[in-house]
C-alpha atoms as a PDB file:
ATOM      1  CA  MET A   1      -8.445  34.343 -37.077  1.00  0.00           C
ATOM      2  CA  PHE A   2     -11.460  33.369 -38.838  1.00  0.00           C
ATOM      3  CA  ASP A   3     -10.122  32.684 -42.739  1.00  0.00           C
ATOM      4  CA  GLU A   4     -11.034  30.433 -45.420  1.00  0.00           C
ATOM      5  CA  LYS A   5      -9.619  27.409 -43.850  1.00  0.00           C
ATOM      6  CA  ALA A   6     -11.831  27.904 -40.659  1.00  0.00           C
ATOM      7  CA  LYS A   7     -15.189  28.559 -42.629  1.00  0.00           C
ATOM      8  CA  ALA A   8     -14.348  25.341 -44.582  1.00  0.00           C
ATOM      9  CA  GLU A   9     -13.992  23.382 -41.367  1.00  0.00           C
ATOM     10  CA  LEU A  10     -17.162  24.894 -39.970  1.00  0.00           C
ATOM     11  CA  GLU A  11     -18.919  24.018 -43.010  1.00  0.00           C
ATOM     12  CA  LYS A  12     -17.743  20.542 -42.990  1.00  0.00           C
ATOM     13  CA  ASP A  13     -18.799  20.085 -39.612  1.00  0.00           C
ATOM     14  CA  LEU A  14     -22.298  21.309 -39.885  1.00  0.00           C
ATOM     15  CA  SER A  15     -22.985  19.246 -42.590  1.00  0.00           C
ATOM     16  CA  GLU A  16     -22.348  16.358 -40.332  1.00  0.00           C
ATOM     17  CA  ASP A  17     -25.591  14.879 -38.638  1.00  0.00           C
ATOM     18  CA  TRP A  18     -23.841  14.550 -35.228  1.00  0.00           C
ATOM     19  CA  CYS A  19     -23.317  18.821 -35.542  1.00  0.00           C
ATOM     20  CA  ALA A  20     -26.572  20.353 -33.970  1.00  0.00           C
ATOM     21  CA  GLY A  21     -25.168  23.798 -34.725  1.00  0.00           C
ATOM     22  CA  ILE A  22     -22.982  26.610 -33.491  1.00  0.00           C
ATOM     23  CA  THR A  23     -22.526  28.685 -30.537  1.00  0.00           C
ATOM     24  CA  TRP A  24     -21.002  32.067 -31.261  1.00  0.00           C
ATOM     25  CA  LEU A  25     -18.458  33.362 -28.397  1.00  0.00           C
ATOM     26  CA  GLY A  26     -15.308  34.238 -27.647  1.00  0.00           C
ATOM     27  CA  GLY A  27     -14.269  37.788 -28.042  1.00  0.00           C
ATOM     28  CA  GLU A  28     -17.649  39.318 -28.615  1.00  0.00           C
ATOM     29  CA  PRO A  29     -19.573  38.453 -31.652  1.00  0.00           C
ATOM     30  CA  LEU A  30     -21.936  41.661 -31.354  1.00  0.00           C
ATOM     31  CA  HIS A  31     -18.964  44.101 -31.419  1.00  0.00           C
ATOM     32  CA  PRO A  32     -18.908  46.301 -34.422  1.00  0.00           C
ATOM     33  CA  ALA A  33     -15.661  45.073 -35.606  1.00  0.00           C
ATOM     34  CA  ASN A  34     -16.950  41.488 -35.499  1.00  0.00           C
ATOM     35  CA  PHE A  35     -20.647  42.151 -36.532  1.00  0.00           C
ATOM     36  CA  PRO A  36     -20.811  42.400 -40.081  1.00  0.00           C
ATOM     37  CA  GLU A  37     -19.057  38.990 -40.427  1.00  0.00           C
ATOM     38  CA  VAL A  38     -20.772  37.334 -37.688  1.00  0.00           C
ATOM     39  CA  LEU A  39     -24.081  38.368 -39.241  1.00  0.00           C
ATOM     40  CA  ALA A  40     -23.196  37.563 -42.768  1.00  0.00           C
ATOM     41  CA  LEU A  41     -22.112  33.726 -41.648  1.00  0.00           C
ATOM     42  CA  ALA A  42     -25.236  33.425 -39.450  1.00  0.00           C
ATOM     43  CA  LYS A  43     -27.138  34.350 -42.453  1.00  0.00           C
ATOM     44  CA  GLU A  44     -25.798  31.787 -44.819  1.00  0.00           C
ATOM     45  CA  ILE A  45     -25.755  29.073 -41.734  1.00  0.00           C
ATOM     46  CA  ARG A  46     -29.658  29.583 -41.455  1.00  0.00           C
ATOM     47  CA  ARG A  47     -30.145  29.356 -45.018  1.00  0.00           C
ATOM     48  CA  LYS A  48     -27.956  26.353 -45.635  1.00  0.00           C
ATOM     49  CA  TYR A  49     -28.710  24.554 -42.460  1.00  0.00           C
ATOM     50  CA  PRO A  50     -32.108  25.731 -41.248  1.00  0.00           C
ATOM     51  CA  ASP A  51     -32.311  22.893 -38.574  1.00  0.00           C
ATOM     52  CA  LYS A  52     -29.501  23.753 -36.879  1.00  0.00           C
ATOM     53  CA  THR A  53     -29.361  25.785 -33.782  1.00  0.00           C
ATOM     54  CA  GLN A  54     -27.416  29.283 -33.493  1.00  0.00           C
ATOM     55  CA  TRP A  55     -26.722  30.313 -29.816  1.00  0.00           C
ATOM     56  CA  ILE A  56     -24.987  33.458 -29.180  1.00  0.00           C
ATOM     57  CA  TYR A  57     -23.259  34.330 -25.851  1.00  0.00           C
ATOM     58  CA  THR A  58     -22.674  38.272 -25.474  1.00  0.00           C
ATOM     59  CA  GLY A  59     -21.900  40.844 -23.040  1.00  0.00           C
ATOM     60  CA  TYR A  60     -24.676  42.993 -24.320  1.00  0.00           C
ATOM     61  CA  CYS A  61     -27.818  43.034 -22.647  1.00  0.00           C
ATOM     62  CA  TRP A  62     -31.299  41.979 -24.531  1.00  0.00           C
ATOM     63  CA  ASP A  63     -32.757  45.510 -24.361  1.00  0.00           C
ATOM     64  CA  ASP A  64     -29.659  46.707 -25.896  1.00  0.00           C
ATOM     65  CA  ILE A  65     -29.554  44.362 -28.545  1.00  0.00           C
ATOM     66  CA  VAL A  66     -33.366  44.468 -29.742  1.00  0.00           C
ATOM     67  CA  SER A  67     -33.219  48.552 -29.351  1.00  0.00           C
ATOM     68  CA  ASP A  68     -30.278  48.448 -31.936  1.00  0.00           C
ATOM     69  CA  GLU A  69     -31.157  48.766 -35.402  1.00  0.00           C
ATOM     70  CA  LYS A  70     -28.137  47.024 -36.795  1.00  0.00           C
ATOM     71  CA  MET A  71     -27.253  44.507 -33.983  1.00  0.00           C
ATOM     72  CA  SER A  72     -31.267  43.480 -33.764  1.00  0.00           C
ATOM     73  CA  GLU A  73     -30.999  42.080 -37.349  1.00  0.00           C
ATOM     74  CA  ILE A  74     -29.038  38.986 -35.769  1.00  0.00           C
ATOM     75  CA  LEU A  75     -31.996  37.818 -34.305  1.00  0.00           C
ATOM     76  CA  LYS A  76     -33.746  36.568 -37.421  1.00  0.00           C
ATOM     77  CA  TYR A  77     -30.964  34.100 -38.036  1.00  0.00           C
ATOM     78  CA  VAL A  78     -30.084  32.744 -34.438  1.00  0.00           C
ATOM     79  CA  ASP A  79     -32.093  30.831 -32.078  1.00  0.00           C
ATOM     80  CA  VAL A  80     -31.140  31.863 -28.231  1.00  0.00           C
ATOM     81  CA  ILE A  81     -28.777  34.296 -26.786  1.00  0.00           C
ATOM     82  CA  CYS A  82     -27.573  34.257 -23.541  1.00  0.00           C
ATOM     83  CA  ASP A  83     -26.640  38.239 -22.850  1.00  0.00           C
ATOM     84  CA  GLY A  84     -25.037  40.088 -20.103  1.00  0.00           C
ATOM     85  CA  PRO A  85     -21.594  40.225 -18.999  1.00  0.00           C
ATOM     86  CA  PHE A  86     -20.294  37.679 -16.785  1.00  0.00           C
ATOM     87  CA  VAL A  87     -19.877  39.131 -12.953  1.00  0.00           C
ATOM     88  CA  GLU A  88     -17.666  37.379 -10.617  1.00  0.00           C
ATOM     89  CA  SER A  89     -19.483  38.548  -7.682  1.00  0.00           C
ATOM     90  CA  LEU A  90     -22.893  37.181  -8.915  1.00  0.00           C
ATOM     91  CA  LYS A  91     -21.351  33.720 -10.309  1.00  0.00           C
ATOM     92  CA  ASP A  92     -23.533  30.900  -9.693  1.00  0.00           C
ATOM     93  CA  PRO A  93     -22.424  27.522 -10.320  1.00  0.00           C
ATOM     94  CA  ASP A  94     -26.065  26.189 -10.556  1.00  0.00           C
ATOM     95  CA  LEU A  95     -27.191  28.134 -13.445  1.00  0.00           C
ATOM     96  CA  LYS A  96     -27.606  26.506 -16.616  1.00  0.00           C
ATOM     97  CA  TRP A  97     -25.975  27.908 -19.775  1.00  0.00           C
ATOM     98  CA  VAL A  98     -24.622  31.012 -18.177  1.00  0.00           C
ATOM     99  CA  GLY A  99     -22.227  31.862 -15.439  1.00  0.00           C
ATOM    100  CA  SER A 100     -23.465  34.610 -13.021  1.00  0.00           C
ATOM    101  CA  SER A 101     -26.959  35.537 -11.952  1.00  0.00           C
ATOM    102  CA  ASN A 102     -27.324  38.570 -14.140  1.00  0.00           C
ATOM    103  CA  GLN A 103     -27.191  36.945 -17.215  1.00  0.00           C
ATOM    104  CA  HIS A 104     -30.294  35.524 -19.345  1.00  0.00           C
ATOM    105  CA  VAL A 105     -30.764  32.672 -21.652  1.00  0.00           C
ATOM    106  CA  ILE A 106     -33.163  34.071 -23.989  1.00  0.00           C
ATOM    107  CA  LYS A 107     -34.934  31.774 -26.517  1.00  0.00           C
ATOM    108  CA  ILE A 108     -35.615  34.082 -29.568  1.00  0.00           C
ATOM    109  CA  LYS A 109     -38.476  32.572 -31.040  1.00  0.00           C
ATOM    110  CA  ASP A 110     -40.338  32.702 -27.761  1.00  0.00           C
ATOM    111  CA  ARG A 111     -39.462  36.290 -27.034  1.00  0.00           C
ATOM    112  CA  ILE A 112     -40.539  37.318 -30.569  1.00  0.00           C
ATOM    113  CA  ASP A 113     -43.573  35.492 -30.637  1.00  0.00           C
ATOM    114  CA  CYS A 114     -44.617  37.362 -27.572  1.00  0.00           C
ATOM    115  CA  ILE A 115     -43.625  40.657 -28.772  1.00  0.00           C
ATOM    116  CA  SER A 116     -45.445  40.129 -31.854  1.00  0.00           C
ATOM    117  CA  LYS A 117     -48.730  39.527 -29.750  1.00  0.00           C
ATOM    118  CA  LEU A 118     -48.515  42.725 -27.599  1.00  0.00           C
ATOM    119  CA  VAL A 119     -47.844  44.846 -30.592  1.00  0.00           C
END
């Protein structure tokens, strides 16, 4: 359970030079039951530690995230999304950062910059 003690520990670690950032995973960070707290904390981390990276591992696919008004708000605060559910039959140990070939590592800034140029 993520409580005030866990938040204080996270704050302490993020304030250290050795800590490059945070990776959101476990359960499902973008699940409606988790999303409000994850979004609030992602905003706070971006404000307090603008140079720290934030990665999100999610079973949701990129298209579902960007087309959802609520979920897409997280894109303002995170750097990388690893999307898609892990599929055992597509498991590939040679992939970096993800486990199955249906998953993608998406650098948000690159994707947003690309979309902005098209609009």
